[in-house]
Amino acid sequence: MNKMFIEILVLLAIVAVICYVAYRSAIHEFQILQKDYEPDTDWGSLLSEQLPLVIRDVPASWLGGWTYGKTGNKTWPVFKGLKEQMRKQKVAWNAYLSAQQQQSQSSESVSDCGELAQPIKLLQTFQNWGYDGFSRPWWLPVATPTPHLFLQTDHKGLEKTKAEWTAIVSTDGAPLELWVAHEGAVPNDIHEYEDPVNPWTATTATYPWIGDVKFIEIKLRPGNALLIPRHWWFAVRAAAQPDDIPLLNGHGAWWWQGDIHSVTSRIVAFV
């Protein structure tokens, strides 16, 4: 009799564990964490939740110099136009910004802002996070983040996070809109598409699964940061502005993306 009672208890315990795991997996897809920046924050406890984390009002040392006010008079050479196009045009950064602001609607974006990360010292900015306590013992030294300036028509299609944490930092101008979903909500064959999927314009006619995906939309205002853990999909675009405030008059949507790796995530990212 005692043996049967113990077996029943063990069975009930197994069922309870399975139900708990299933429950956690279900709610995991719908949760994000939000925290106002405070110098003495216990980041380790927040990061252990393995959920997207919005940090509001991060300090200037975490944002860096990727803003209109700090770069608008620079004459750095940049190329506008899509990378795939042969008609890319070389222009000075300040001339590009000035020309865009004089237009009622934005036209061609800068094809690659990555080379501007060095003059604005974006690596030092990202390193400041660790100096201020946002770190874990197993994290590797961070690499240089990539700055972006999005116009109204710009977007970054669905991308799966491979780093331990992916930082999306809004620094100036218009807010960002992010589409975020756990990998369990997105089909495994998404990699088969030639171009990254734009979840805001995707239709079920082309992507039958898009209507069933459980996702979160986040509006990230300048001065705020979003940390996305591994195994999540995300997309980014500039938030729409009112018709009487063209996006470039709001200096575009300025943001940068940086990856935080452990040894494991670095190895997996190269596989």
C-alpha atoms as a PDB file:
ATOM      1  CA  MET A   1       0.000   0.000   0.000  1.00  0.00           C
ATOM      2  CA  ASN A   2       2.808   2.393   0.916  1.00  0.00           C
ATOM      3  CA  LYS A   3       4.598   1.539  -2.309  1.00  0.00           C
ATOM      4  CA  MET A   4       1.502   2.372  -4.362  1.00  0.00           C
ATOM      5  CA  PHE A   5       1.069   5.646  -2.471  1.00  0.00           C
ATOM      6  CA  ILE A   6       4.669   6.639  -3.196  1.00  0.00           C
ATOM      7  CA  GLU A   7       4.246   5.785  -6.882  1.00  0.00           C
ATOM      8  CA  ILE A   8       1.144   7.973  -7.061  1.00  0.00           C
ATOM      9  CA  LEU A   9       3.018  10.848  -5.424  1.00  0.00           C
ATOM     10  CA  VAL A  10       5.889  10.484  -7.874  1.00  0.00           C
ATOM     11  CA  LEU A  11       3.452  10.418 -10.795  1.00  0.00           C
ATOM     12  CA  LEU A  12       1.672  13.515  -9.512  1.00  0.00           C
ATOM     13  CA  ALA A  13       5.016  15.281  -9.083  1.00  0.00           C
ATOM     14  CA  ILE A  14       6.000  14.460 -12.675  1.00  0.00           C
ATOM     15  CA  VAL A  15       2.653  15.735 -13.963  1.00  0.00           C
ATOM     16  CA  ALA A  16       3.062  18.929 -11.900  1.00  0.00           C
ATOM     17  CA  VAL A  17       6.537  19.549 -13.331  1.00  0.00           C
ATOM     18  CA  ILE A  18       5.305  18.997 -16.902  1.00  0.00           C
ATOM     19  CA  CYS A  19       2.383  21.391 -16.342  1.00  0.00           C
ATOM     20  CA  TYR A  20       4.699  24.011 -14.844  1.00  0.00           C
ATOM     21  CA  VAL A  21       7.148  23.795 -17.743  1.00  0.00           C
ATOM     22  CA  ALA A  22       4.313  24.008 -20.264  1.00  0.00           C
ATOM     23  CA  TYR A  23       2.861  27.000 -18.418  1.00  0.00           C
ATOM     24  CA  ARG A  24       6.202  28.776 -18.302  1.00  0.00           C
ATOM     25  CA  SER A  25       6.767  28.113 -22.006  1.00  0.00           C
ATOM     26  CA  ALA A  26       3.344  29.490 -22.859  1.00  0.00           C
ATOM     27  CA  ILE A  27       3.601  32.721 -20.875  1.00  0.00           C
ATOM     28  CA  HIS A  28       7.236  33.149 -21.900  1.00  0.00           C
ATOM     29  CA  GLU A  29       6.085  34.162 -25.354  1.00  0.00           C
ATOM     30  CA  PHE A  30       4.020  37.077 -24.034  1.00  0.00           C
ATOM     31  CA  GLN A  31       6.185  38.611 -21.332  1.00  0.00           C
ATOM     32  CA  ILE A  32       8.680  41.436 -21.294  1.00  0.00           C
ATOM     33  CA  LEU A  33      10.407  43.090 -18.361  1.00  0.00           C
ATOM     34  CA  GLN A  34      10.641  46.862 -17.889  1.00  0.00           C
ATOM     35  CA  LYS A  35      12.981  48.711 -15.559  1.00  0.00           C
ATOM     36  CA  ASP A  36      13.913  52.342 -14.991  1.00  0.00           C
ATOM     37  CA  TYR A  37      17.683  52.679 -14.941  1.00  0.00           C
ATOM     38  CA  GLU A  38      19.180  52.886 -11.461  1.00  0.00           C
ATOM     39  CA  PRO A  39      22.926  52.637 -10.743  1.00  0.00           C
ATOM     40  CA  ASP A  40      22.490  49.968  -8.051  1.00  0.00           C
ATOM     41  CA  THR A  41      20.190  47.677 -10.065  1.00  0.00           C
ATOM     42  CA  ASP A  42      20.700  43.941  -9.608  1.00  0.00           C
ATOM     43  CA  TRP A  43      21.032  43.190 -13.314  1.00  0.00           C
ATOM     44  CA  GLY A  44      21.848  39.548 -12.694  1.00  0.00           C
ATOM     45  CA  SER A  45      18.388  38.841 -11.253  1.00  0.00           C
ATOM     46  CA  LEU A  46      16.649  40.527 -14.170  1.00  0.00           C
ATOM     47  CA  LEU A  47      18.763  38.811 -16.802  1.00  0.00           C
ATOM     48  CA  SER A  48      18.197  35.387 -15.223  1.00  0.00           C
ATOM     49  CA  GLU A  49      14.541  35.631 -16.291  1.00  0.00           C
ATOM     50  CA  GLN A  50      15.673  35.259 -19.940  1.00  0.00           C
ATOM     51  CA  LEU A  51      12.968  37.639 -21.136  1.00  0.00           C
ATOM     52  CA  PRO A  52      13.188  40.781 -23.292  1.00  0.00           C
ATOM     53  CA  LEU A  53      14.139  43.660 -20.997  1.00  0.00           C
ATOM     54  CA  VAL A  54      13.356  47.338 -21.625  1.00  0.00           C
ATOM     55  CA  ILE A  55      15.624  49.708 -19.683  1.00  0.00           C
ATOM     56  CA  ARG A  56      14.184  53.215 -19.552  1.00  0.00           C
ATOM     57  CA  ASP A  57      16.170  56.441 -19.242  1.00  0.00           C
ATOM     58  CA  VAL A  58      19.632  54.928 -19.568  1.00  0.00           C
ATOM     59  CA  PRO A  59      22.506  57.335 -18.784  1.00  0.00           C
ATOM     60  CA  ALA A  60      24.224  59.373 -21.508  1.00  0.00           C
ATOM     61  CA  SER A  61      27.352  57.244 -21.112  1.00  0.00           C
ATOM     62  CA  TRP A  62      25.298  54.221 -22.278  1.00  0.00           C
ATOM     63  CA  LEU A  63      23.796  56.040 -25.268  1.00  0.00           C
ATOM     64  CA  GLY A  64      26.946  57.536 -26.783  1.00  0.00           C
ATOM     65  CA  GLY A  65      27.340  60.163 -29.470  1.00  0.00           C
ATOM     66  CA  TRP A  66      25.094  58.695 -32.162  1.00  0.00           C
ATOM     67  CA  THR A  67      22.721  61.689 -32.353  1.00  0.00           C
ATOM     68  CA  TYR A  68      21.878  64.435 -34.808  1.00  0.00           C
ATOM     69  CA  GLY A  69      23.219  67.113 -32.496  1.00  0.00           C
ATOM     70  CA  LYS A  70      26.621  65.449 -32.087  1.00  0.00           C
ATOM     71  CA  THR A  71      27.165  64.362 -35.696  1.00  0.00           C
ATOM     72  CA  GLY A  72      25.185  66.849 -37.806  1.00  0.00           C
ATOM     73  CA  ASN A  73      28.231  68.977 -38.660  1.00  0.00           C
ATOM     74  CA  LYS A  74      30.595  66.107 -39.469  1.00  0.00           C
ATOM     75  CA  THR A  75      31.911  65.667 -43.005  1.00  0.00           C
ATOM     76  CA  TRP A  76      32.436  61.910 -42.900  1.00  0.00           C
ATOM     77  CA  PRO A  77      32.139  60.311 -46.369  1.00  0.00           C
ATOM     78  CA  VAL A  78      29.152  57.955 -46.650  1.00  0.00           C
ATOM     79  CA  PHE A  79      27.270  56.234 -49.457  1.00  0.00           C
ATOM     80  CA  LYS A  80      23.539  56.553 -49.976  1.00  0.00           C
ATOM     81  CA  GLY A  81      21.475  54.015 -51.868  1.00  0.00           C
ATOM     82  CA  LEU A  82      21.009  50.277 -51.424  1.00  0.00           C
ATOM     83  CA  LYS A  83      24.052  48.034 -51.322  1.00  0.00           C
ATOM     84  CA  GLU A  84      22.575  45.968 -54.168  1.00  0.00           C
ATOM     85  CA  GLN A  85      22.320  49.000 -56.410  1.00  0.00           C
ATOM     86  CA  MET A  86      25.188  50.079 -58.608  1.00  0.00           C
ATOM     87  CA  ARG A  87      24.197  53.744 -58.366  1.00  0.00           C
ATOM     88  CA  LYS A  88      25.411  54.377 -54.837  1.00  0.00           C
ATOM     89  CA  GLN A  89      26.462  57.977 -54.419  1.00  0.00           C
ATOM     90  CA  LYS A  90      29.235  59.204 -52.130  1.00  0.00           C
ATOM     91  CA  VAL A  91      28.279  62.241 -50.060  1.00  0.00           C
ATOM     92  CA  ALA A  92      29.401  64.033 -46.926  1.00  0.00           C
ATOM     93  CA  TRP A  93      27.441  63.097 -43.817  1.00  0.00           C
ATOM     94  CA  ASN A  94      26.394  66.652 -42.974  1.00  0.00           C
ATOM     95  CA  ALA A  95      25.351  67.310 -46.581  1.00  0.00           C
ATOM     96  CA  TYR A  96      23.279  64.123 -46.592  1.00  0.00           C
ATOM     97  CA  LEU A  97      21.433  65.090 -43.422  1.00  0.00           C
ATOM     98  CA  SER A  98      20.847  68.610 -44.664  1.00  0.00           C
ATOM     99  CA  ALA A  99      19.498  67.422 -48.029  1.00  0.00           C
ATOM    100  CA  GLN A 100      17.163  64.920 -46.406  1.00  0.00           C
ATOM    101  CA  GLN A 101      15.698  67.504 -44.050  1.00  0.00           C
ATOM    102  CA  GLN A 102      14.821  69.787 -46.932  1.00  0.00           C
ATOM    103  CA  GLN A 103      12.657  67.118 -48.547  1.00  0.00           C
ATOM    104  CA  SER A 104       9.028  66.584 -47.609  1.00  0.00           C
ATOM    105  CA  GLN A 105       9.592  62.842 -47.664  1.00  0.00           C
ATOM    106  CA  SER A 106      12.717  60.812 -47.071  1.00  0.00           C
ATOM    107  CA  SER A 107      14.376  59.245 -50.105  1.00  0.00           C
ATOM    108  CA  GLU A 108      17.511  57.140 -50.082  1.00  0.00           C
ATOM    109  CA  SER A 109      19.091  55.910 -46.869  1.00  0.00           C
ATOM    110  CA  VAL A 110      22.781  55.653 -46.146  1.00  0.00           C
ATOM    111  CA  SER A 111      23.680  52.131 -47.261  1.00  0.00           C
ATOM    112  CA  ASP A 112      25.975  51.387 -44.322  1.00  0.00           C
ATOM    113  CA  CYS A 113      26.591  53.447 -41.185  1.00  0.00           C
ATOM    114  CA  GLY A 114      28.902  50.824 -39.697  1.00  0.00           C
ATOM    115  CA  GLU A 115      32.079  52.747 -40.518  1.00  0.00           C
ATOM    116  CA  LEU A 116      30.830  55.653 -38.404  1.00  0.00           C
ATOM    117  CA  ALA A 117      31.018  53.549 -35.224  1.00  0.00           C
ATOM    118  CA  GLN A 118      34.715  54.348 -34.770  1.00  0.00           C
ATOM    119  CA  PRO A 119      34.599  58.169 -34.950  1.00  0.00           C
ATOM    120  CA  ILE A 120      31.644  58.286 -32.539  1.00  0.00           C
ATOM    121  CA  LYS A 121      33.485  55.880 -30.187  1.00  0.00           C
ATOM    122  CA  LEU A 122      30.621  53.439 -30.021  1.00  0.00           C
ATOM    123  CA  LEU A 123      32.809  50.619 -28.691  1.00  0.00           C
ATOM    124  CA  GLN A 124      33.761  52.728 -25.675  1.00  0.00           C
ATOM    125  CA  THR A 125      30.072  53.487 -25.164  1.00  0.00           C
ATOM    126  CA  PHE A 126      29.174  49.799 -25.058  1.00  0.00           C
ATOM    127  CA  GLN A 127      32.083  49.078 -22.738  1.00  0.00           C
ATOM    128  CA  ASN A 128      30.671  51.650 -20.316  1.00  0.00           C
ATOM    129  CA  TRP A 129      27.805  49.249 -19.641  1.00  0.00           C
ATOM    130  CA  GLY A 130      30.207  46.721 -18.167  1.00  0.00           C
ATOM    131  CA  TYR A 131      32.111  49.369 -16.214  1.00  0.00           C
ATOM    132  CA  ASP A 132      28.802  50.379 -14.616  1.00  0.00           C
ATOM    133  CA  GLY A 133      27.978  46.853 -13.492  1.00  0.00           C
ATOM    134  CA  PHE A 134      25.987  45.503 -16.425  1.00  0.00           C
ATOM    135  CA  SER A 135      28.053  42.356 -16.766  1.00  0.00           C
ATOM    136  CA  ARG A 136      28.260  38.659 -15.945  1.00  0.00           C
ATOM    137  CA  PRO A 137      31.449  36.693 -15.176  1.00  0.00           C
ATOM    138  CA  TRP A 138      31.137  34.493 -18.276  1.00  0.00           C
ATOM    139  CA  TRP A 139      30.573  37.277 -20.801  1.00  0.00           C
ATOM    140  CA  LEU A 140      33.263  37.983 -23.388  1.00  0.00           C
ATOM    141  CA  PRO A 141      34.506  41.533 -24.085  1.00  0.00           C
ATOM    142  CA  VAL A 142      31.986  43.296 -26.298  1.00  0.00           C
ATOM    143  CA  ALA A 143      32.651  44.073 -29.950  1.00  0.00           C
ATOM    144  CA  THR A 144      31.902  47.346 -31.721  1.00  0.00           C
ATOM    145  CA  PRO A 145      28.145  47.914 -32.142  1.00  0.00           C
ATOM    146  CA  THR A 146      26.578  48.984 -35.442  1.00  0.00           C
ATOM    147  CA  PRO A 147      24.885  52.402 -35.714  1.00  0.00           C
ATOM    148  CA  HIS A 148      21.764  52.891 -37.842  1.00  0.00           C
ATOM    149  CA  LEU A 149      19.729  55.839 -39.099  1.00  0.00           C
ATOM    150  CA  PHE A 150      16.300  54.735 -40.291  1.00  0.00           C
ATOM    151  CA  LEU A 151      14.052  56.798 -42.516  1.00  0.00           C
ATOM    152  CA  GLN A 152      10.314  56.262 -42.793  1.00  0.00           C
ATOM    153  CA  THR A 153      10.572  53.363 -45.242  1.00  0.00           C
ATOM    154  CA  ASP A 154      13.496  51.598 -43.563  1.00  0.00           C
ATOM    155  CA  HIS A 155      13.190  48.382 -41.631  1.00  0.00           C
ATOM    156  CA  LYS A 156      15.292  45.466 -40.468  1.00  0.00           C
ATOM    157  CA  GLY A 157      13.600  42.176 -41.336  1.00  0.00           C
ATOM    158  CA  LEU A 158      13.212  39.241 -38.983  1.00  0.00           C
ATOM    159  CA  GLU A 159      16.497  38.158 -37.444  1.00  0.00           C
ATOM    160  CA  LYS A 160      17.111  35.499 -34.809  1.00  0.00           C
ATOM    161  CA  THR A 161      19.289  36.451 -31.867  1.00  0.00           C
ATOM    162  CA  LYS A 162      22.461  34.378 -31.539  1.00  0.00           C
ATOM    163  CA  ALA A 163      24.275  36.326 -28.829  1.00  0.00           C
ATOM    164  CA  GLU A 164      23.554  35.868 -25.131  1.00  0.00           C
ATOM    165  CA  TRP A 165      21.927  39.295 -25.322  1.00  0.00           C
ATOM    166  CA  THR A 166      21.262  41.639 -28.226  1.00  0.00           C
ATOM    167  CA  ALA A 167      21.065  45.326 -27.308  1.00  0.00           C
ATOM    168  CA  ILE A 168      18.859  47.681 -29.329  1.00  0.00           C
ATOM    169  CA  VAL A 169      19.463  51.256 -28.171  1.00  0.00           C
ATOM    170  CA  SER A 170      17.350  54.204 -29.366  1.00  0.00           C
ATOM    171  CA  THR A 171      19.467  57.355 -29.170  1.00  0.00           C
ATOM    172  CA  ASP A 172      17.727  60.221 -31.002  1.00  0.00           C
ATOM    173  CA  GLY A 173      14.898  61.357 -33.265  1.00  0.00           C
ATOM    174  CA  ALA A 174      11.828  59.215 -33.888  1.00  0.00           C
ATOM    175  CA  PRO A 175      11.026  56.164 -31.748  1.00  0.00           C
ATOM    176  CA  LEU A 176      11.597  52.621 -32.948  1.00  0.00           C
ATOM    177  CA  GLU A 177       8.976  49.925 -33.296  1.00  0.00           C
ATOM    178  CA  LEU A 178      10.064  46.349 -32.649  1.00  0.00           C
ATOM    179  CA  TRP A 179       8.325  43.076 -33.453  1.00  0.00           C
ATOM    180  CA  VAL A 180       9.543  40.377 -31.067  1.00  0.00           C
ATOM    181  CA  ALA A 181       8.617  36.684 -30.853  1.00  0.00           C
ATOM    182  CA  HIS A 182      10.070  33.649 -29.111  1.00  0.00           C
ATOM    183  CA  GLU A 183      11.591  31.059 -31.439  1.00  0.00           C
ATOM    184  CA  GLY A 184       8.900  28.586 -30.427  1.00  0.00           C
ATOM    185  CA  ALA A 185       6.285  30.804 -32.067  1.00  0.00           C
ATOM    186  CA  VAL A 186       8.052  31.017 -35.443  1.00  0.00           C
ATOM    187  CA  PRO A 187       8.408  28.087 -37.894  1.00  0.00           C
ATOM    188  CA  ASN A 188      11.807  26.473 -38.287  1.00  0.00           C
ATOM    189  CA  ASP A 189      11.861  26.885 -42.064  1.00  0.00           C
ATOM    190  CA  ILE A 190      11.856  30.690 -41.958  1.00  0.00           C
ATOM    191  CA  HIS A 191      15.539  30.587 -42.989  1.00  0.00           C
ATOM    192  CA  GLU A 192      14.485  29.260 -46.374  1.00  0.00           C
ATOM    193  CA  TYR A 193      13.228  32.683 -47.485  1.00  0.00           C
ATOM    194  CA  GLU A 194      15.624  34.615 -49.682  1.00  0.00           C
ATOM    195  CA  ASP A 195      15.098  37.956 -47.920  1.00  0.00           C
ATOM    196  CA  PRO A 196      14.429  38.662 -44.226  1.00  0.00           C
ATOM    197  CA  VAL A 197      10.678  38.740 -43.619  1.00  0.00           C
ATOM    198  CA  ASN A 198       9.060  42.103 -42.868  1.00  0.00           C
ATOM    199  CA  PRO A 199       6.406  41.074 -40.318  1.00  0.00           C
ATOM    200  CA  TRP A 200       4.500  44.367 -40.670  1.00  0.00           C
ATOM    201  CA  THR A 201       3.774  43.860 -44.366  1.00  0.00           C
ATOM    202  CA  ALA A 202       3.839  40.051 -44.567  1.00  0.00           C
ATOM    203  CA  THR A 203       0.556  38.430 -45.587  1.00  0.00           C
ATOM    204  CA  THR A 204      -0.724  34.907 -45.118  1.00  0.00           C
ATOM    205  CA  ALA A 205      -0.781  34.527 -48.892  1.00  0.00           C
ATOM    206  CA  THR A 206       3.016  34.597 -48.955  1.00  0.00           C
ATOM    207  CA  TYR A 207       3.768  33.480 -45.406  1.00  0.00           C
ATOM    208  CA  PRO A 208       0.892  31.249 -44.222  1.00  0.00           C
ATOM    209  CA  TRP A 209       2.290  31.042 -40.696  1.00  0.00           C
ATOM    210  CA  ILE A 210       2.458  34.801 -40.041  1.00  0.00           C
ATOM    211  CA  GLY A 211      -1.173  35.030 -38.917  1.00  0.00           C
ATOM    212  CA  ASP A 212      -0.650  32.458 -36.158  1.00  0.00           C
ATOM    213  CA  VAL A 213       2.537  33.872 -34.621  1.00  0.00           C
ATOM    214  CA  LYS A 214       2.250  35.111 -31.051  1.00  0.00           C
ATOM    215  CA  PHE A 215       4.387  38.228 -30.853  1.00  0.00           C
ATOM    216  CA  ILE A 216       5.030  41.390 -28.858  1.00  0.00           C
ATOM    217  CA  GLU A 217       5.256  44.910 -30.289  1.00  0.00           C
ATOM    218  CA  ILE A 218       7.449  47.380 -28.450  1.00  0.00           C
ATOM    219  CA  LYS A 219       7.839  51.112 -29.033  1.00  0.00           C
ATOM    220  CA  LEU A 220      11.323  52.160 -27.999  1.00  0.00           C
ATOM    221  CA  ARG A 221      11.774  55.884 -27.436  1.00  0.00           C
ATOM    222  CA  PRO A 222      15.127  57.706 -27.530  1.00  0.00           C
ATOM    223  CA  GLY A 223      16.986  57.202 -24.277  1.00  0.00           C
ATOM    224  CA  ASN A 224      15.665  53.666 -23.806  1.00  0.00           C
ATOM    225  CA  ALA A 225      17.278  50.301 -24.536  1.00  0.00           C
ATOM    226  CA  LEU A 226      15.915  46.839 -25.257  1.00  0.00           C
ATOM    227  CA  LEU A 227      17.858  43.684 -24.358  1.00  0.00           C
ATOM    228  CA  ILE A 228      16.734  40.546 -26.221  1.00  0.00           C
ATOM    229  CA  PRO A 229      17.971  37.133 -25.045  1.00  0.00           C
ATOM    230  CA  ARG A 230      19.040  34.265 -27.260  1.00  0.00           C
ATOM    231  CA  HIS A 231      16.428  32.251 -29.187  1.00  0.00           C
ATOM    232  CA  TRP A 232      14.145  35.191 -30.005  1.00  0.00           C
ATOM    233  CA  TRP A 233      13.199  36.685 -33.371  1.00  0.00           C
ATOM    234  CA  PHE A 234      12.975  40.440 -33.830  1.00  0.00           C
ATOM    235  CA  ALA A 235      12.433  43.082 -36.489  1.00  0.00           C
ATOM    236  CA  VAL A 236      12.956  46.852 -36.309  1.00  0.00           C
ATOM    237  CA  ARG A 237      11.479  49.867 -38.093  1.00  0.00           C
ATOM    238  CA  ALA A 238      11.119  53.610 -37.546  1.00  0.00           C
ATOM    239  CA  ALA A 239       7.835  54.481 -35.896  1.00  0.00           C
ATOM    240  CA  ALA A 240       5.413  56.375 -38.141  1.00  0.00           C
ATOM    241  CA  GLN A 241       5.321  60.122 -37.584  1.00  0.00           C
ATOM    242  CA  PRO A 242       2.269  62.404 -37.978  1.00  0.00           C
ATOM    243  CA  ASP A 243       1.803  63.761 -41.489  1.00  0.00           C
ATOM    244  CA  ASP A 244       2.671  67.272 -40.369  1.00  0.00           C
ATOM    245  CA  ILE A 245       5.998  66.097 -38.886  1.00  0.00           C
ATOM    246  CA  PRO A 246       8.004  64.335 -41.625  1.00  0.00           C
ATOM    247  CA  LEU A 247      10.416  61.803 -40.190  1.00  0.00           C
ATOM    248  CA  LEU A 248      13.586  63.563 -41.260  1.00  0.00           C
ATOM    249  CA  ASN A 249      12.405  66.784 -39.634  1.00  0.00           C
ATOM    250  CA  GLY A 250      12.519  64.686 -36.513  1.00  0.00           C
ATOM    251  CA  HIS A 251      16.086  63.743 -37.521  1.00  0.00           C
ATOM    252  CA  GLY A 252      15.186  60.174 -38.420  1.00  0.00           C
ATOM    253  CA  ALA A 253      15.289  57.222 -36.034  1.00  0.00           C
ATOM    254  CA  TRP A 254      18.813  56.939 -34.632  1.00  0.00           C
ATOM    255  CA  TRP A 255      19.762  53.671 -32.964  1.00  0.00           C
ATOM    256  CA  TRP A 256      22.520  51.143 -32.577  1.00  0.00           C
ATOM    257  CA  GLN A 257      22.725  47.390 -32.110  1.00  0.00           C
ATOM    258  CA  GLY A 258      25.332  45.555 -30.043  1.00  0.00           C
ATOM    259  CA  ASP A 259      25.829  41.885 -29.125  1.00  0.00           C
ATOM    260  CA  ILE A 260      26.869  40.455 -25.768  1.00  0.00           C
ATOM    261  CA  HIS A 261      28.426  36.999 -26.105  1.00  0.00           C
ATOM    262  CA  SER A 262      29.522  34.177 -23.867  1.00  0.00           C
ATOM    263  CA  VAL A 263      31.993  31.562 -25.092  1.00  0.00           C
ATOM    264  CA  THR A 264      29.091  29.215 -25.842  1.00  0.00           C
ATOM    265  CA  SER A 265      27.006  31.723 -27.806  1.00  0.00           C
ATOM    266  CA  ARG A 266      30.091  32.860 -29.744  1.00  0.00           C
ATOM    267  CA  ILE A 267      30.808  29.273 -30.827  1.00  0.00           C
ATOM    268  CA  VAL A 268      27.161  28.621 -31.719  1.00  0.00           C
ATOM    269  CA  ALA A 269      27.004  31.844 -33.739  1.00  0.00           C
ATOM    270  CA  PHE A 270      29.826  30.606 -35.977  1.00  0.00           C
ATOM    271  CA  VAL A 271      28.355  27.144 -36.489  1.00  0.00           C
END
